């Protein structure tokens, strides 16, 4: 078995959820390790704390597939800690389901050159209710199938 040689790169690591508690800790650790960090941040969210630390800000939203593709462009890896349930807003369930499907679909485009895309889990991924298991619209069905097949493995 071959050992994997670490690849050194100056390309940024995209952190989705960087303004949250867990995402902030991920950003801290990446910066401590000397990594370049890019954060996906909503247009309405204050990113000044991240900017002061040298984090590149990519304005976008998990519900906007185009903004995810743009944010991933040129990223070495993507780490997501984003979870809509933590805010309890009107889009919480949609962020946890459609938003994560959008992340998977953006990664499938592979136009970004992203090598790795680790994910953390959200509470909705464990749900057995019918509205979580139902396939979303056909525009997202490819990503939905991809995420469902990885859960089954």
N, C-alpha and C. Protein backbone atom coordinates (compact mmCIF):
# COMPACT_ATOMS: atom_id res chain seq x y z
N UNK A 1 0.84 -1.17 0.00
CA UNK A 1 0.00 0.00 0.00
C UNK A 1 0.89 1.24 0.00
N UNK A 2 0.60 2.16 -0.92
CA UNK A 2 1.38 3.38 -1.02
C UNK A 2 0.92 4.38 0.03
N UNK A 3 1.90 5.08 0.59
CA UNK A 3 1.52 6.13 1.53
C UNK A 3 1.24 7.40 0.74
N UNK A 4 0.30 8.16 1.22
CA UNK A 4 -0.08 9.38 0.54
C UNK A 4 0.88 10.49 0.93
N UNK A 5 1.48 11.13 -0.08
CA UNK A 5 2.40 12.22 0.16
C UNK A 5 1.61 13.51 0.31
N UNK A 6 1.84 14.25 1.39
CA UNK A 6 1.11 15.51 1.54
C UNK A 6 1.45 16.48 0.41
N UNK A 7 0.45 17.16 -0.09
CA UNK A 7 0.64 18.12 -1.15
C UNK A 7 0.64 19.51 -0.53
N UNK A 8 1.71 20.25 -0.81
CA UNK A 8 1.80 21.62 -0.30
C UNK A 8 1.25 22.54 -1.37
N UNK A 9 0.38 23.46 -0.97
CA UNK A 9 -0.23 24.37 -1.92
C UNK A 9 -0.48 25.72 -1.27
N UNK A 10 -0.50 26.74 -2.10
CA UNK A 10 -0.86 28.07 -1.61
C UNK A 10 -2.32 28.37 -1.93
N UNK A 11 -3.00 27.44 -2.60
CA UNK A 11 -4.41 27.65 -2.90
C UNK A 11 -5.20 27.68 -1.60
N UNK A 12 -6.26 28.46 -1.56
CA UNK A 12 -7.03 28.56 -0.31
C UNK A 12 -7.89 27.34 -0.03
N UNK A 13 -8.18 27.16 1.23
CA UNK A 13 -9.17 26.18 1.68
C UNK A 13 -10.46 26.97 1.90
N UNK A 14 -11.53 26.56 1.23
CA UNK A 14 -12.81 27.22 1.39
C UNK A 14 -13.51 26.65 2.61
N UNK A 15 -13.92 27.54 3.53
CA UNK A 15 -14.66 27.12 4.71
C UNK A 15 -16.08 27.67 4.59
N UNK A 16 -17.04 26.76 4.53
CA UNK A 16 -18.45 27.13 4.49
C UNK A 16 -18.97 27.01 5.92
N UNK A 17 -19.46 28.10 6.46
CA UNK A 17 -19.88 28.12 7.86
C UNK A 17 -18.84 28.76 8.76
N UNK A 18 -17.92 29.52 8.17
CA UNK A 18 -16.80 30.10 8.92
C UNK A 18 -17.22 31.11 9.97
N UNK A 19 -18.40 31.71 9.85
CA UNK A 19 -18.84 32.69 10.85
C UNK A 19 -19.51 32.02 12.05
N UNK A 20 -19.70 30.73 11.99
CA UNK A 20 -20.29 30.00 13.11
C UNK A 20 -19.24 29.55 14.11
N UNK A 21 -19.70 28.95 15.18
CA UNK A 21 -18.81 28.52 16.26
C UNK A 21 -17.80 27.47 15.79
N UNK A 22 -18.27 26.38 15.24
CA UNK A 22 -17.38 25.33 14.77
C UNK A 22 -16.54 25.80 13.59
N UNK A 23 -17.16 26.48 12.64
CA UNK A 23 -16.44 26.99 11.48
C UNK A 23 -15.33 27.95 11.87
N UNK A 24 -15.58 28.77 12.89
CA UNK A 24 -14.56 29.67 13.38
C UNK A 24 -13.35 28.93 13.92
N UNK A 25 -13.60 27.81 14.59
CA UNK A 25 -12.50 26.99 15.11
C UNK A 25 -11.72 26.34 13.97
N UNK A 26 -12.43 25.94 12.92
CA UNK A 26 -11.76 25.38 11.74
C UNK A 26 -10.85 26.44 11.11
N UNK A 27 -11.37 27.66 10.96
CA UNK A 27 -10.57 28.76 10.42
C UNK A 27 -9.35 28.99 11.29
N UNK A 28 -9.52 29.03 12.61
CA UNK A 28 -8.40 29.23 13.53
C UNK A 28 -7.30 28.20 13.29
N UNK A 29 -7.71 26.94 13.19
CA UNK A 29 -6.73 25.86 13.02
C UNK A 29 -6.03 25.94 11.67
N UNK A 30 -6.78 26.25 10.63
CA UNK A 30 -6.16 26.38 9.30
C UNK A 30 -5.15 27.52 9.28
N UNK A 31 -5.52 28.66 9.84
CA UNK A 31 -4.59 29.80 9.89
C UNK A 31 -3.36 29.47 10.73
N UNK A 32 -3.57 28.77 11.84
CA UNK A 32 -2.45 28.36 12.70
C UNK A 32 -1.48 27.47 11.93
N UNK A 33 -2.01 26.68 11.00
CA UNK A 33 -1.17 25.79 10.19
C UNK A 33 -0.60 26.49 8.96
N UNK A 34 -0.85 27.79 8.84
CA UNK A 34 -0.28 28.56 7.74
C UNK A 34 -1.04 28.44 6.42
N UNK A 35 -2.26 27.96 6.47
CA UNK A 35 -3.07 27.80 5.26
C UNK A 35 -3.71 29.12 4.86
N UNK A 36 -3.90 29.31 3.57
CA UNK A 36 -4.72 30.40 3.07
C UNK A 36 -6.17 29.97 3.21
N UNK A 37 -7.01 30.86 3.69
CA UNK A 37 -8.41 30.52 3.95
C UNK A 37 -9.33 31.46 3.20
N UNK A 38 -10.33 30.89 2.58
CA UNK A 38 -11.42 31.63 1.95
C UNK A 38 -12.70 31.21 2.66
N UNK A 39 -13.57 32.16 2.97
CA UNK A 39 -14.81 31.84 3.67
C UNK A 39 -16.00 32.24 2.81
N UNK A 40 -16.97 31.35 2.70
CA UNK A 40 -18.24 31.68 2.07
C UNK A 40 -19.08 32.39 3.13
N UNK A 41 -19.48 33.63 2.84
CA UNK A 41 -20.21 34.43 3.81
C UNK A 41 -21.39 35.08 3.11
N UNK A 42 -22.55 35.01 3.73
CA UNK A 42 -23.74 35.65 3.16
C UNK A 42 -23.53 37.16 3.05
N UNK A 43 -24.22 37.76 2.09
CA UNK A 43 -24.11 39.21 1.86
C UNK A 43 -24.52 40.02 3.08
N UNK A 44 -25.43 39.48 3.88
CA UNK A 44 -25.95 40.22 5.04
C UNK A 44 -25.17 39.96 6.33
N UNK A 45 -24.13 39.14 6.27
CA UNK A 45 -23.37 38.77 7.46
C UNK A 45 -22.07 39.58 7.55
N UNK A 46 -21.78 40.08 8.73
CA UNK A 46 -20.55 40.84 8.98
C UNK A 46 -19.35 39.89 8.95
N UNK A 47 -18.43 40.15 8.05
CA UNK A 47 -17.24 39.30 7.92
C UNK A 47 -15.98 40.03 8.37
N UNK A 48 -16.12 41.15 9.05
CA UNK A 48 -14.95 41.97 9.39
C UNK A 48 -13.94 41.23 10.28
N UNK A 49 -14.42 40.40 11.19
CA UNK A 49 -13.47 39.65 12.05
C UNK A 49 -12.61 38.71 11.22
N UNK A 50 -13.22 38.08 10.23
CA UNK A 50 -12.46 37.18 9.35
C UNK A 50 -11.50 37.97 8.47
N UNK A 51 -11.98 39.07 7.92
CA UNK A 51 -11.14 39.91 7.05
C UNK A 51 -9.92 40.42 7.79
N UNK A 52 -10.09 40.83 9.05
CA UNK A 52 -8.96 41.34 9.85
C UNK A 52 -7.88 40.29 10.04
N UNK A 53 -8.26 39.03 9.95
CA UNK A 53 -7.32 37.93 10.15
C UNK A 53 -6.71 37.45 8.83
N UNK A 54 -7.06 38.14 7.73
CA UNK A 54 -6.49 37.79 6.44
C UNK A 54 -7.28 36.74 5.66
N UNK A 55 -8.49 36.44 6.09
CA UNK A 55 -9.32 35.47 5.39
C UNK A 55 -9.95 36.15 4.18
N UNK A 56 -9.86 35.49 3.04
CA UNK A 56 -10.50 35.97 1.82
C UNK A 56 -12.00 35.71 1.93
N UNK A 57 -12.82 36.68 1.62
CA UNK A 57 -14.27 36.53 1.72
C UNK A 57 -14.87 36.32 0.34
N UNK A 58 -15.65 35.26 0.22
CA UNK A 58 -16.43 34.98 -0.99
C UNK A 58 -17.89 35.15 -0.60
N UNK A 59 -18.53 36.17 -1.11
CA UNK A 59 -19.93 36.41 -0.77
C UNK A 59 -20.81 35.43 -1.53
N UNK A 60 -21.72 34.78 -0.81
CA UNK A 60 -22.60 33.81 -1.45
C UNK A 60 -23.53 33.18 -0.44
N UNK A 61 -24.23 32.17 -0.91
CA UNK A 61 -25.25 31.51 -0.10
C UNK A 61 -25.34 30.05 -0.53
N UNK A 62 -25.55 29.17 0.41
CA UNK A 62 -25.68 27.75 0.10
C UNK A 62 -26.88 27.46 -0.80
N UNK A 63 -27.85 28.34 -0.82
CA UNK A 63 -29.03 28.13 -1.66
C UNK A 63 -28.82 28.68 -3.07
N UNK A 64 -27.67 29.27 -3.33
CA UNK A 64 -27.33 29.82 -4.64
C UNK A 64 -26.17 29.02 -5.23
N UNK A 65 -26.51 28.07 -6.10
CA UNK A 65 -25.51 27.16 -6.66
C UNK A 65 -24.39 27.92 -7.36
N UNK A 66 -24.71 28.97 -8.10
CA UNK A 66 -23.69 29.74 -8.80
C UNK A 66 -22.67 30.36 -7.86
N UNK A 67 -23.13 30.85 -6.71
CA UNK A 67 -22.20 31.45 -5.76
C UNK A 67 -21.29 30.39 -5.14
N UNK A 68 -21.78 29.16 -5.02
CA UNK A 68 -20.94 28.08 -4.48
C UNK A 68 -19.86 27.69 -5.48
N UNK A 69 -20.24 27.58 -6.74
CA UNK A 69 -19.26 27.26 -7.78
C UNK A 69 -18.19 28.34 -7.83
N UNK A 70 -18.60 29.61 -7.79
CA UNK A 70 -17.64 30.72 -7.81
C UNK A 70 -16.72 30.67 -6.59
N UNK A 71 -17.27 30.39 -5.41
CA UNK A 71 -16.46 30.34 -4.19
C UNK A 71 -15.46 29.18 -4.23
N UNK A 72 -15.83 28.07 -4.86
CA UNK A 72 -14.95 26.91 -4.95
C UNK A 72 -13.86 27.08 -6.00
N UNK A 73 -14.06 28.00 -6.92
CA UNK A 73 -13.11 28.18 -8.02
C UNK A 73 -11.72 28.47 -7.48
N UNK A 74 -10.78 27.58 -7.80
CA UNK A 74 -9.41 27.76 -7.36
C UNK A 74 -9.12 27.32 -5.95
N UNK A 75 -10.09 26.74 -5.27
CA UNK A 75 -9.86 26.27 -3.90
C UNK A 75 -9.18 24.91 -3.91
N UNK A 76 -8.30 24.70 -2.96
CA UNK A 76 -7.63 23.41 -2.82
C UNK A 76 -8.54 22.37 -2.19
N UNK A 77 -9.37 22.82 -1.25
CA UNK A 77 -10.27 21.92 -0.53
C UNK A 77 -11.45 22.74 -0.02
N UNK A 78 -12.52 22.03 0.32
CA UNK A 78 -13.71 22.66 0.88
C UNK A 78 -14.04 21.95 2.19
N UNK A 79 -14.24 22.74 3.23
CA UNK A 79 -14.69 22.19 4.51
C UNK A 79 -15.99 22.90 4.85
N UNK A 80 -17.03 22.13 5.10
CA UNK A 80 -18.30 22.76 5.47
C UNK A 80 -18.71 22.38 6.87
N UNK A 81 -19.06 23.40 7.63
CA UNK A 81 -19.60 23.21 8.97
C UNK A 81 -20.95 23.92 9.06
N UNK A 82 -21.43 24.40 7.92
CA UNK A 82 -22.66 25.19 7.90
C UNK A 82 -23.86 24.34 8.29
N UNK A 83 -24.74 24.94 9.09
CA UNK A 83 -25.94 24.25 9.52
C UNK A 83 -27.04 25.28 9.73
N UNK A 84 -28.11 25.16 8.98
CA UNK A 84 -29.22 26.09 9.11
C UNK A 84 -29.96 25.95 10.42
N UNK A 85 -29.97 24.74 10.98
CA UNK A 85 -30.74 24.51 12.21
C UNK A 85 -30.23 25.33 13.38
N UNK A 86 -28.97 25.76 13.33
CA UNK A 86 -28.43 26.52 14.45
C UNK A 86 -29.04 27.91 14.53
N UNK A 87 -29.53 28.42 13.42
CA UNK A 87 -30.14 29.75 13.41
C UNK A 87 -31.65 29.68 13.60
N UNK A 88 -32.24 28.55 13.27
CA UNK A 88 -33.67 28.38 13.45
C UNK A 88 -34.52 29.30 12.60
N UNK A 89 -33.96 29.84 11.54
CA UNK A 89 -34.70 30.76 10.68
C UNK A 89 -35.65 30.03 9.74
N UNK A 90 -36.31 30.82 8.91
CA UNK A 90 -37.31 30.26 8.00
C UNK A 90 -36.70 29.34 6.95
N UNK A 91 -35.40 29.49 6.64
CA UNK A 91 -34.75 28.65 5.64
C UNK A 91 -33.89 27.54 6.25
N UNK A 92 -34.01 27.30 7.53
CA UNK A 92 -33.13 26.35 8.21
C UNK A 92 -33.15 24.97 7.56
N UNK A 93 -34.32 24.41 7.35
CA UNK A 93 -34.41 23.08 6.76
C UNK A 93 -33.88 23.08 5.33
N UNK A 94 -34.20 24.12 4.59
CA UNK A 94 -33.74 24.21 3.19
C UNK A 94 -32.22 24.31 3.12
N UNK A 95 -31.62 25.05 4.03
CA UNK A 95 -30.15 25.16 4.07
C UNK A 95 -29.54 23.79 4.37
N UNK A 96 -30.12 23.08 5.32
CA UNK A 96 -29.57 21.77 5.71
C UNK A 96 -29.75 20.70 4.64
N UNK A 97 -30.75 20.84 3.79
CA UNK A 97 -31.00 19.81 2.78
C UNK A 97 -30.57 20.30 1.40
N UNK A 98 -31.27 21.27 0.85
CA UNK A 98 -30.97 21.77 -0.49
C UNK A 98 -29.58 22.41 -0.51
N UNK A 99 -29.25 23.16 0.52
CA UNK A 99 -27.94 23.81 0.57
C UNK A 99 -26.80 22.81 0.51
N UNK A 100 -26.91 21.73 1.27
CA UNK A 100 -25.86 20.71 1.22
C UNK A 100 -25.85 19.96 -0.10
N UNK A 101 -27.03 19.76 -0.70
CA UNK A 101 -27.08 19.16 -2.04
C UNK A 101 -26.41 20.10 -3.05
N UNK A 102 -26.61 21.40 -2.90
CA UNK A 102 -25.95 22.37 -3.78
C UNK A 102 -24.44 22.30 -3.64
N UNK A 103 -23.95 22.14 -2.40
CA UNK A 103 -22.51 22.00 -2.20
C UNK A 103 -21.97 20.78 -2.95
N UNK A 104 -22.69 19.67 -2.86
CA UNK A 104 -22.27 18.46 -3.56
C UNK A 104 -22.30 18.68 -5.07
N UNK A 105 -23.35 19.33 -5.56
CA UNK A 105 -23.45 19.56 -7.00
C UNK A 105 -22.35 20.51 -7.48
N UNK A 106 -22.06 21.55 -6.72
CA UNK A 106 -20.98 22.47 -7.09
C UNK A 106 -19.65 21.73 -7.17
N UNK A 107 -19.43 20.81 -6.24
CA UNK A 107 -18.19 20.02 -6.26
C UNK A 107 -18.16 19.09 -7.47
N UNK A 108 -19.33 18.61 -7.90
CA UNK A 108 -19.39 17.73 -9.07
C UNK A 108 -19.04 18.46 -10.36
N UNK A 109 -19.27 19.75 -10.40
CA UNK A 109 -18.93 20.51 -11.60
C UNK A 109 -17.45 20.41 -11.90
N UNK A 110 -16.65 20.29 -10.86
CA UNK A 110 -15.21 20.12 -10.95
C UNK A 110 -14.52 21.20 -11.76
N UNK A 111 -15.24 22.27 -12.10
CA UNK A 111 -14.59 23.37 -12.79
C UNK A 111 -13.70 24.12 -11.82
N UNK A 112 -13.91 23.89 -10.56
CA UNK A 112 -13.14 24.61 -9.55
C UNK A 112 -11.77 24.00 -9.30
N UNK A 113 -11.55 22.75 -9.65
CA UNK A 113 -10.28 22.09 -9.38
C UNK A 113 -10.13 21.68 -7.93
N UNK A 114 -11.19 21.72 -7.15
CA UNK A 114 -11.13 21.35 -5.75
C UNK A 114 -10.76 19.88 -5.61
N UNK A 115 -9.74 19.59 -4.80
CA UNK A 115 -9.29 18.22 -4.63
C UNK A 115 -10.05 17.46 -3.56
N UNK A 116 -10.45 18.13 -2.49
CA UNK A 116 -11.07 17.45 -1.36
C UNK A 116 -12.25 18.26 -0.86
N UNK A 117 -13.24 17.55 -0.30
CA UNK A 117 -14.41 18.25 0.23
C UNK A 117 -14.94 17.55 1.46
N UNK A 118 -14.26 17.68 2.62
CA UNK A 118 -14.77 17.07 3.84
C UNK A 118 -16.06 17.75 4.29
N UNK A 119 -16.95 16.98 4.91
CA UNK A 119 -18.22 17.53 5.40
C UNK A 119 -18.42 17.15 6.85
N UNK A 120 -19.08 18.03 7.57
CA UNK A 120 -19.58 17.65 8.88
C UNK A 120 -21.06 17.36 8.67
N UNK A 121 -21.69 16.77 9.62
CA UNK A 121 -23.09 16.37 9.46
C UNK A 121 -24.01 17.38 10.13
N UNK A 122 -25.25 17.40 9.66
CA UNK A 122 -26.26 18.23 10.32
C UNK A 122 -27.34 17.32 10.86
N UNK A 123 -28.15 17.85 11.73
CA UNK A 123 -29.19 17.03 12.36
C UNK A 123 -30.18 16.49 11.34
N UNK A 124 -30.39 17.20 10.24
CA UNK A 124 -31.37 16.74 9.26
C UNK A 124 -30.90 15.51 8.50
N UNK A 125 -29.57 15.27 8.48
CA UNK A 125 -29.09 14.09 7.76
C UNK A 125 -29.49 12.81 8.47
N UNK A 126 -29.82 12.90 9.75
CA UNK A 126 -30.21 11.72 10.51
C UNK A 126 -31.73 11.53 10.54
N UNK A 127 -32.45 12.48 9.99
CA UNK A 127 -33.90 12.43 10.05
C UNK A 127 -34.46 11.32 9.17
N UNK A 128 -35.49 10.67 9.63
CA UNK A 128 -36.16 9.62 8.87
C UNK A 128 -37.51 10.09 8.32
N UNK A 129 -37.81 11.37 8.53
CA UNK A 129 -39.11 11.85 8.08
C UNK A 129 -39.19 11.88 6.56
N UNK A 130 -40.38 11.74 6.02
CA UNK A 130 -40.55 11.63 4.58
C UNK A 130 -40.12 12.88 3.84
N UNK A 131 -40.27 14.06 4.44
CA UNK A 131 -39.89 15.26 3.72
C UNK A 131 -38.37 15.38 3.55
N UNK A 132 -37.58 14.71 4.37
CA UNK A 132 -36.13 14.72 4.19
C UNK A 132 -35.68 13.68 3.18
N UNK A 133 -36.42 12.59 3.08
CA UNK A 133 -36.01 11.51 2.21
C UNK A 133 -36.51 11.69 0.78
N UNK A 134 -37.42 12.60 0.57
CA UNK A 134 -37.99 12.82 -0.76
C UNK A 134 -36.97 13.49 -1.66
N UNK A 135 -36.88 13.03 -2.91
CA UNK A 135 -35.95 13.62 -3.86
C UNK A 135 -36.39 15.03 -4.21
N UNK A 136 -35.46 16.00 -4.15
CA UNK A 136 -35.79 17.36 -4.53
C UNK A 136 -36.04 17.49 -6.03
N UNK A 137 -36.24 18.70 -6.48
CA UNK A 137 -36.55 18.95 -7.89
C UNK A 137 -35.49 18.35 -8.80
N UNK A 138 -35.88 18.10 -10.06
CA UNK A 138 -34.99 17.44 -11.00
C UNK A 138 -33.71 18.23 -11.24
N UNK A 139 -33.72 19.53 -11.04
CA UNK A 139 -32.49 20.31 -11.23
C UNK A 139 -31.43 19.94 -10.21
N UNK A 140 -31.84 19.36 -9.10
CA UNK A 140 -30.88 18.97 -8.08
C UNK A 140 -30.79 17.45 -7.93
N UNK A 141 -31.44 16.71 -8.78
CA UNK A 141 -31.52 15.26 -8.58
C UNK A 141 -30.17 14.59 -8.69
N UNK A 142 -29.28 15.07 -9.56
CA UNK A 142 -27.97 14.45 -9.69
C UNK A 142 -27.20 14.57 -8.37
N UNK A 143 -27.22 15.75 -7.78
CA UNK A 143 -26.53 15.94 -6.50
C UNK A 143 -27.21 15.14 -5.40
N UNK A 144 -28.53 15.08 -5.43
CA UNK A 144 -29.27 14.33 -4.43
C UNK A 144 -28.87 12.86 -4.49
N UNK A 145 -28.81 12.29 -5.70
CA UNK A 145 -28.42 10.89 -5.84
C UNK A 145 -26.99 10.68 -5.34
N UNK A 146 -26.11 11.62 -5.64
CA UNK A 146 -24.73 11.50 -5.19
C UNK A 146 -24.63 11.49 -3.67
N UNK A 147 -25.36 12.39 -3.02
CA UNK A 147 -25.28 12.43 -1.55
C UNK A 147 -25.96 11.23 -0.94
N UNK A 148 -27.04 10.74 -1.53
CA UNK A 148 -27.74 9.56 -1.00
C UNK A 148 -26.85 8.33 -1.13
N UNK A 149 -26.14 8.19 -2.26
CA UNK A 149 -25.31 6.99 -2.45
C UNK A 149 -24.14 6.98 -1.48
N UNK A 150 -23.60 8.14 -1.11
CA UNK A 150 -22.49 8.15 -0.17
C UNK A 150 -22.96 7.82 1.24
N UNK A 151 -24.20 8.14 1.56
CA UNK A 151 -24.74 7.80 2.89
C UNK A 151 -24.97 6.30 3.00
N UNK A 152 -25.34 5.68 1.89
CA UNK A 152 -25.65 4.26 1.91
C UNK A 152 -24.37 3.42 2.03
N UNK A 153 -23.25 3.98 1.61
CA UNK A 153 -21.99 3.22 1.59
C UNK A 153 -21.42 3.04 2.98
